[in-house]
Amino acid sequence: MKIEKAKKEQIEEIVALKKLLDAHRASHFSDLTEEFHQKKDGFVQDYNVDLDKEIYYVCNVEGLICGFVEGSVGERSKSKLSKLGSVDELFVLPEFRGKGIAQELLTQLEADFKESGCDHVVTFTDIENSN
């Protein structure tokens, strides 16, 4: 298992994992959560992976990308807390769960946030997420 910063040649695999994540979410959403996601900011699913704007780490197991974490850093000019790290998405293939991969991905992202000078980090989850 190798945790590494995502490379351009891995974008297709990341997009495939994002689609699996969205399919999983959709199968678990309540009607209320689905309605929220459809209304939120003119919701349009975008599978664009921009390695220059977002931070991506992947888990590579013998050439297979089995998980990823996506994060971003935002400036907060009107706050005493100047930089905010955001964990935007995290996904590990079911057959690779329970092996500490998600924790390792988050640890690498957290190190990036610290290096970027983030004051704090946030993430969000849907109520249906029982994991």
N, C-alpha and C. Protein backbone atom coordinates (compact mmCIF):
# COMPACT_ATOMS: atom_id res chain seq x y z
N MET A 1 0.85 -1.18 0.00
CA MET A 1 0.00 0.00 0.00
C MET A 1 0.89 1.24 0.00
N LYS A 2 0.59 2.15 -0.94
CA LYS A 2 1.36 3.39 -1.03
C LYS A 2 0.40 4.57 -1.14
N ILE A 3 0.52 5.50 -0.21
CA ILE A 3 -0.26 6.74 -0.27
C ILE A 3 0.60 7.77 -0.98
N GLU A 4 0.05 8.38 -2.02
CA GLU A 4 0.83 9.34 -2.80
C GLU A 4 -0.07 10.46 -3.31
N LYS A 5 0.55 11.59 -3.59
CA LYS A 5 -0.17 12.69 -4.20
C LYS A 5 -0.59 12.24 -5.60
N ALA A 6 -1.81 12.56 -5.97
CA ALA A 6 -2.33 12.12 -7.26
C ALA A 6 -1.56 12.73 -8.41
N LYS A 7 -1.46 11.95 -9.48
CA LYS A 7 -0.78 12.37 -10.70
C LYS A 7 -1.79 12.44 -11.84
N LYS A 8 -1.46 13.19 -12.89
CA LYS A 8 -2.38 13.35 -14.03
C LYS A 8 -2.81 12.01 -14.60
N GLU A 9 -1.91 11.06 -14.68
CA GLU A 9 -2.26 9.77 -15.28
C GLU A 9 -3.21 8.95 -14.41
N GLN A 10 -3.50 9.40 -13.20
CA GLN A 10 -4.43 8.70 -12.32
C GLN A 10 -5.83 9.31 -12.30
N ILE A 11 -6.02 10.40 -13.04
CA ILE A 11 -7.30 11.11 -13.01
C ILE A 11 -8.46 10.22 -13.42
N GLU A 12 -8.32 9.42 -14.46
CA GLU A 12 -9.43 8.55 -14.90
C GLU A 12 -9.84 7.59 -13.79
N GLU A 13 -8.88 7.05 -13.05
CA GLU A 13 -9.20 6.14 -11.95
C GLU A 13 -9.90 6.88 -10.80
N ILE A 14 -9.47 8.11 -10.55
CA ILE A 14 -10.11 8.92 -9.51
C ILE A 14 -11.56 9.21 -9.90
N VAL A 15 -11.79 9.58 -11.15
CA VAL A 15 -13.15 9.85 -11.63
C VAL A 15 -14.02 8.60 -11.49
N ALA A 16 -13.47 7.44 -11.81
CA ALA A 16 -14.23 6.19 -11.67
C ALA A 16 -14.62 5.96 -10.20
N LEU A 17 -13.71 6.26 -9.28
CA LEU A 17 -14.02 6.12 -7.86
C LEU A 17 -15.06 7.14 -7.42
N LYS A 18 -14.99 8.38 -7.95
CA LYS A 18 -15.98 9.40 -7.62
C LYS A 18 -17.37 8.95 -8.07
N LYS A 19 -17.45 8.32 -9.22
CA LYS A 19 -18.74 7.83 -9.72
C LYS A 19 -19.28 6.71 -8.84
N LEU A 20 -18.41 5.83 -8.38
CA LEU A 20 -18.83 4.78 -7.44
C LEU A 20 -19.33 5.40 -6.13
N LEU A 21 -18.63 6.41 -5.65
CA LEU A 21 -19.04 7.10 -4.43
C LEU A 21 -20.42 7.72 -4.61
N ASP A 22 -20.65 8.38 -5.73
CA ASP A 22 -21.95 9.00 -5.97
C ASP A 22 -23.06 7.96 -6.09
N ALA A 23 -22.78 6.83 -6.72
CA ALA A 23 -23.78 5.76 -6.83
C ALA A 23 -24.11 5.23 -5.43
N HIS A 24 -23.09 5.08 -4.60
CA HIS A 24 -23.32 4.62 -3.23
C HIS A 24 -24.17 5.63 -2.46
N ARG A 25 -23.83 6.90 -2.57
CA ARG A 25 -24.60 7.95 -1.89
C ARG A 25 -26.06 7.91 -2.33
N ALA A 26 -26.28 7.85 -3.63
CA ALA A 26 -27.64 7.89 -4.16
C ALA A 26 -28.48 6.72 -3.66
N SER A 27 -27.84 5.58 -3.46
CA SER A 27 -28.58 4.41 -2.99
C SER A 27 -28.95 4.50 -1.52
N HIS A 28 -28.35 5.45 -0.78
CA HIS A 28 -28.60 5.58 0.65
C HIS A 28 -29.33 6.87 1.04
N PHE A 29 -29.46 7.80 0.10
CA PHE A 29 -30.10 9.07 0.41
C PHE A 29 -31.57 8.89 0.74
N SER A 30 -32.02 9.63 1.72
CA SER A 30 -33.46 9.75 1.96
C SER A 30 -33.98 10.75 0.93
N ASP A 31 -35.28 10.83 0.80
CA ASP A 31 -35.87 11.79 -0.13
C ASP A 31 -35.47 13.22 0.24
N LEU A 32 -35.43 13.52 1.54
CA LEU A 32 -35.08 14.85 1.99
C LEU A 32 -33.63 15.20 1.64
N THR A 33 -32.71 14.27 1.83
CA THR A 33 -31.31 14.53 1.50
C THR A 33 -31.13 14.68 -0.01
N GLU A 34 -31.80 13.84 -0.78
CA GLU A 34 -31.72 13.93 -2.23
C GLU A 34 -32.23 15.29 -2.70
N GLU A 35 -33.35 15.74 -2.13
CA GLU A 35 -33.90 17.04 -2.48
C GLU A 35 -32.91 18.16 -2.14
N PHE A 36 -32.27 18.07 -1.00
CA PHE A 36 -31.26 19.07 -0.60
C PHE A 36 -30.13 19.13 -1.62
N HIS A 37 -29.59 17.97 -1.99
CA HIS A 37 -28.46 17.95 -2.92
C HIS A 37 -28.86 18.45 -4.31
N GLN A 38 -30.08 18.20 -4.72
CA GLN A 38 -30.52 18.68 -6.03
C GLN A 38 -30.71 20.20 -6.04
N LYS A 39 -31.10 20.77 -4.90
CA LYS A 39 -31.35 22.22 -4.82
C LYS A 39 -30.08 23.01 -4.55
N LYS A 40 -29.10 22.40 -3.94
CA LYS A 40 -27.91 23.09 -3.47
C LYS A 40 -27.15 23.74 -4.63
N ASP A 41 -27.11 25.06 -4.64
CA ASP A 41 -26.30 25.82 -5.60
C ASP A 41 -26.49 25.38 -7.05
N GLY A 42 -27.73 25.11 -7.45
CA GLY A 42 -27.95 24.69 -8.83
C GLY A 42 -27.17 23.43 -9.16
N PHE A 43 -27.26 22.45 -8.30
CA PHE A 43 -26.46 21.23 -8.34
C PHE A 43 -26.29 20.66 -9.75
N VAL A 44 -25.05 20.51 -10.15
CA VAL A 44 -24.68 19.79 -11.37
C VAL A 44 -23.47 18.97 -11.00
N GLN A 45 -23.55 17.66 -11.18
CA GLN A 45 -22.42 16.81 -10.82
C GLN A 45 -21.28 17.06 -11.80
N ASP A 46 -20.14 17.33 -11.25
CA ASP A 46 -18.96 17.63 -12.06
C ASP A 46 -17.86 16.69 -11.64
N TYR A 47 -17.39 15.91 -12.59
CA TYR A 47 -16.31 14.97 -12.29
C TYR A 47 -14.95 15.51 -12.72
N ASN A 48 -14.85 16.82 -12.83
CA ASN A 48 -13.57 17.43 -13.17
C ASN A 48 -12.61 17.27 -11.99
N VAL A 49 -11.45 16.74 -12.25
CA VAL A 49 -10.41 16.61 -11.24
C VAL A 49 -9.30 17.59 -11.61
N ASP A 50 -9.17 18.65 -10.83
CA ASP A 50 -8.19 19.69 -11.10
C ASP A 50 -7.07 19.59 -10.06
N LEU A 51 -5.96 19.00 -10.46
CA LEU A 51 -4.85 18.79 -9.53
C LEU A 51 -4.14 20.09 -9.17
N ASP A 52 -4.45 21.17 -9.90
CA ASP A 52 -3.85 22.47 -9.57
C ASP A 52 -4.67 23.23 -8.54
N LYS A 53 -5.98 22.97 -8.47
CA LYS A 53 -6.85 23.71 -7.55
C LYS A 53 -7.18 22.92 -6.29
N GLU A 54 -7.30 21.61 -6.41
CA GLU A 54 -7.62 20.77 -5.26
C GLU A 54 -6.43 19.91 -4.91
N ILE A 55 -6.47 19.37 -3.71
CA ILE A 55 -5.42 18.46 -3.24
C ILE A 55 -5.99 17.05 -3.27
N TYR A 56 -5.34 16.17 -3.97
CA TYR A 56 -5.76 14.77 -4.05
C TYR A 56 -4.63 13.87 -3.61
N TYR A 57 -4.97 12.91 -2.75
CA TYR A 57 -4.08 11.81 -2.44
C TYR A 57 -4.80 10.53 -2.81
N VAL A 58 -4.03 9.56 -3.28
CA VAL A 58 -4.59 8.26 -3.64
C VAL A 58 -3.85 7.16 -2.91
N CYS A 59 -4.53 6.02 -2.80
CA CYS A 59 -3.89 4.83 -2.27
C CYS A 59 -3.68 3.88 -3.43
N ASN A 60 -2.43 3.51 -3.63
CA ASN A 60 -2.04 2.65 -4.74
C ASN A 60 -1.63 1.30 -4.16
N VAL A 61 -2.37 0.26 -4.54
CA VAL A 61 -2.04 -1.10 -4.12
C VAL A 61 -1.73 -1.90 -5.37
N GLU A 62 -0.46 -2.16 -5.59
CA GLU A 62 0.00 -2.94 -6.74
C GLU A 62 -0.56 -2.41 -8.05
N GLY A 63 -0.54 -1.08 -8.22
CA GLY A 63 -0.99 -0.45 -9.45
C GLY A 63 -2.47 -0.12 -9.51
N LEU A 64 -3.24 -0.53 -8.52
CA LEU A 64 -4.67 -0.23 -8.47
C LEU A 64 -4.91 0.93 -7.51
N ILE A 65 -5.60 1.96 -7.99
CA ILE A 65 -6.01 3.06 -7.11
C ILE A 65 -7.28 2.60 -6.41
N CYS A 66 -7.17 2.33 -5.11
CA CYS A 66 -8.30 1.76 -4.37
C CYS A 66 -8.98 2.77 -3.46
N GLY A 67 -8.47 4.00 -3.41
CA GLY A 67 -9.08 5.01 -2.58
C GLY A 67 -8.49 6.38 -2.87
N PHE A 68 -9.22 7.40 -2.48
CA PHE A 68 -8.71 8.77 -2.65
C PHE A 68 -9.31 9.68 -1.59
N VAL A 69 -8.65 10.78 -1.37
CA VAL A 69 -9.19 11.87 -0.58
C VAL A 69 -8.97 13.14 -1.38
N GLU A 70 -9.98 14.02 -1.35
CA GLU A 70 -9.90 15.31 -2.03
C GLU A 70 -10.07 16.39 -0.98
N GLY A 71 -9.22 17.38 -1.04
CA GLY A 71 -9.30 18.49 -0.11
C GLY A 71 -9.03 19.81 -0.82
N SER A 72 -9.32 20.89 -0.12
CA SER A 72 -9.07 22.21 -0.67
C SER A 72 -8.73 23.17 0.46
N VAL A 73 -8.07 24.24 0.11
CA VAL A 73 -7.70 25.27 1.07
C VAL A 73 -8.35 26.57 0.62
N GLY A 74 -9.07 27.20 1.55
CA GLY A 74 -9.74 28.45 1.23
C GLY A 74 -9.24 29.58 2.10
N GLU A 75 -9.15 30.75 1.51
CA GLU A 75 -8.77 31.95 2.24
C GLU A 75 -10.02 32.52 2.90
N ARG A 76 -9.86 33.05 4.11
CA ARG A 76 -11.00 33.64 4.83
C ARG A 76 -10.62 35.05 5.25
N SER A 77 -10.79 36.00 4.35
CA SER A 77 -10.33 37.37 4.58
C SER A 77 -11.09 38.09 5.69
N LYS A 78 -12.33 37.70 5.99
CA LYS A 78 -13.13 38.40 7.00
C LYS A 78 -13.15 37.65 8.33
N SER A 79 -12.19 36.78 8.55
CA SER A 79 -12.17 35.98 9.76
C SER A 79 -10.80 36.06 10.42
N LYS A 80 -10.77 35.87 11.72
CA LYS A 80 -9.49 35.80 12.42
C LYS A 80 -8.75 34.53 12.04
N LEU A 81 -9.51 33.53 11.60
CA LEU A 81 -8.92 32.28 11.12
C LEU A 81 -8.70 32.45 9.62
N SER A 82 -7.46 32.59 9.21
CA SER A 82 -7.19 33.02 7.84
C SER A 82 -7.31 31.94 6.78
N LYS A 83 -7.02 30.69 7.11
CA LYS A 83 -7.09 29.63 6.11
C LYS A 83 -7.87 28.45 6.65
N LEU A 84 -8.73 27.94 5.79
CA LEU A 84 -9.60 26.83 6.15
C LEU A 84 -9.30 25.64 5.24
N GLY A 85 -8.94 24.51 5.82
CA GLY A 85 -8.79 23.27 5.06
C GLY A 85 -10.13 22.56 5.03
N SER A 86 -10.49 22.01 3.89
CA SER A 86 -11.76 21.30 3.76
C SER A 86 -11.51 19.91 3.19
N VAL A 87 -11.99 18.90 3.91
CA VAL A 87 -11.96 17.53 3.39
C VAL A 87 -13.24 17.40 2.57
N ASP A 88 -13.10 17.38 1.26
CA ASP A 88 -14.26 17.43 0.37
C ASP A 88 -14.83 16.05 0.05
N GLU A 89 -13.99 15.08 -0.21
CA GLU A 89 -14.46 13.72 -0.48
C GLU A 89 -13.41 12.72 -0.02
N LEU A 90 -13.91 11.58 0.42
CA LEU A 90 -13.06 10.48 0.86
C LEU A 90 -13.75 9.19 0.46
N PHE A 91 -13.04 8.31 -0.22
CA PHE A 91 -13.64 7.05 -0.65
C PHE A 91 -12.58 5.97 -0.74
N VAL A 92 -12.93 4.80 -0.25
CA VAL A 92 -12.09 3.60 -0.37
C VAL A 92 -12.98 2.47 -0.87
N LEU A 93 -12.51 1.73 -1.85
CA LEU A 93 -13.29 0.59 -2.35
C LEU A 93 -13.64 -0.35 -1.20
N PRO A 94 -14.85 -0.90 -1.22
CA PRO A 94 -15.30 -1.75 -0.11
C PRO A 94 -14.35 -2.88 0.26
N GLU A 95 -13.76 -3.51 -0.72
CA GLU A 95 -12.87 -4.65 -0.43
C GLU A 95 -11.55 -4.24 0.21
N PHE A 96 -11.27 -2.94 0.27
CA PHE A 96 -10.04 -2.45 0.89
C PHE A 96 -10.29 -1.72 2.21
N ARG A 97 -11.54 -1.68 2.63
CA ARG A 97 -11.88 -0.98 3.88
C ARG A 97 -11.43 -1.79 5.09
N GLY A 98 -11.25 -1.09 6.21
CA GLY A 98 -10.84 -1.75 7.44
C GLY A 98 -9.35 -2.01 7.53
N LYS A 99 -8.58 -1.42 6.63
CA LYS A 99 -7.13 -1.64 6.59
C LYS A 99 -6.34 -0.37 6.93
N GLY A 100 -7.06 0.68 7.35
CA GLY A 100 -6.39 1.92 7.73
C GLY A 100 -6.10 2.86 6.57
N ILE A 101 -6.63 2.55 5.38
CA ILE A 101 -6.35 3.37 4.20
C ILE A 101 -6.94 4.77 4.34
N ALA A 102 -8.19 4.86 4.76
CA ALA A 102 -8.82 6.18 4.92
C ALA A 102 -8.04 7.04 5.91
N GLN A 103 -7.61 6.43 7.00
CA GLN A 103 -6.83 7.17 8.00
C GLN A 103 -5.52 7.69 7.42
N GLU A 104 -4.85 6.85 6.64
CA GLU A 104 -3.58 7.27 6.03
C GLU A 104 -3.80 8.39 5.01
N LEU A 105 -4.88 8.29 4.23
CA LEU A 105 -5.19 9.35 3.27
C LEU A 105 -5.43 10.67 4.00
N LEU A 106 -6.21 10.62 5.07
CA LEU A 106 -6.49 11.83 5.85
C LEU A 106 -5.24 12.39 6.51
N THR A 107 -4.36 11.52 6.98
CA THR A 107 -3.11 11.97 7.60
C THR A 107 -2.26 12.75 6.60
N GLN A 108 -2.20 12.27 5.36
CA GLN A 108 -1.42 12.99 4.33
C GLN A 108 -2.06 14.33 4.00
N LEU A 109 -3.39 14.34 3.89
CA LEU A 109 -4.09 15.59 3.60
C LEU A 109 -3.90 16.59 4.73
N GLU A 110 -3.98 16.11 5.96
CA GLU A 110 -3.78 16.98 7.12
C GLU A 110 -2.38 17.61 7.09
N ALA A 111 -1.37 16.85 6.71
CA ALA A 111 -0.01 17.38 6.61
C ALA A 111 0.04 18.51 5.56
N ASP A 112 -0.66 18.33 4.45
CA ASP A 112 -0.73 19.37 3.43
C ASP A 112 -1.39 20.63 3.98
N PHE A 113 -2.48 20.44 4.74
CA PHE A 113 -3.16 21.58 5.34
C PHE A 113 -2.23 22.34 6.28
N LYS A 114 -1.51 21.62 7.11
CA LYS A 114 -0.58 22.26 8.04
C LYS A 114 0.49 23.03 7.29
N GLU A 115 1.02 22.42 6.24
CA GLU A 115 2.06 23.07 5.43
C GLU A 115 1.53 24.33 4.75
N SER A 116 0.23 24.34 4.42
CA SER A 116 -0.40 25.49 3.78
C SER A 116 -0.79 26.57 4.78
N GLY A 117 -0.62 26.31 6.08
CA GLY A 117 -0.93 27.29 7.10
C GLY A 117 -2.39 27.34 7.52
N CYS A 118 -3.11 26.25 7.33
CA CYS A 118 -4.53 26.22 7.72
C CYS A 118 -4.67 26.34 9.24
N ASP A 119 -5.65 27.16 9.65
CA ASP A 119 -5.96 27.33 11.06
C ASP A 119 -6.83 26.19 11.59
N HIS A 120 -7.70 25.68 10.73
CA HIS A 120 -8.57 24.58 11.13
C HIS A 120 -9.07 23.86 9.88
N VAL A 121 -9.72 22.72 10.11
CA VAL A 121 -10.18 21.86 9.02
C VAL A 121 -11.65 21.51 9.26
N VAL A 122 -12.42 21.45 8.17
CA VAL A 122 -13.83 21.05 8.27
C VAL A 122 -14.12 19.93 7.27
N THR A 123 -15.18 19.20 7.55
CA THR A 123 -15.74 18.25 6.60
C THR A 123 -17.22 18.12 6.90
N PHE A 124 -17.95 17.57 5.99
CA PHE A 124 -19.39 17.39 6.14
C PHE A 124 -19.74 15.97 5.74
N THR A 125 -20.84 15.49 6.28
CA THR A 125 -21.35 14.18 5.88
C THR A 125 -22.87 14.23 5.90
N ASP A 126 -23.47 13.31 5.20
CA ASP A 126 -24.93 13.21 5.19
C ASP A 126 -25.37 12.34 6.36
N ILE A 127 -26.57 12.60 6.83
CA ILE A 127 -27.08 11.89 8.01
C ILE A 127 -27.17 10.38 7.77
N GLU A 128 -27.34 9.97 6.53
CA GLU A 128 -27.46 8.54 6.22
C GLU A 128 -26.13 7.79 6.28
N ASN A 129 -25.02 8.51 6.39
CA ASN A 129 -23.72 7.87 6.44
C ASN A 129 -23.53 7.24 7.81
N SER A 130 -23.58 5.93 7.86
CA SER A 130 -23.48 5.22 9.15
C SER A 130 -22.06 4.75 9.43
N ASN A 131 -21.13 5.01 8.54
CA ASN A 131 -19.74 4.55 8.73
C ASN A 131 -18.88 5.64 9.31
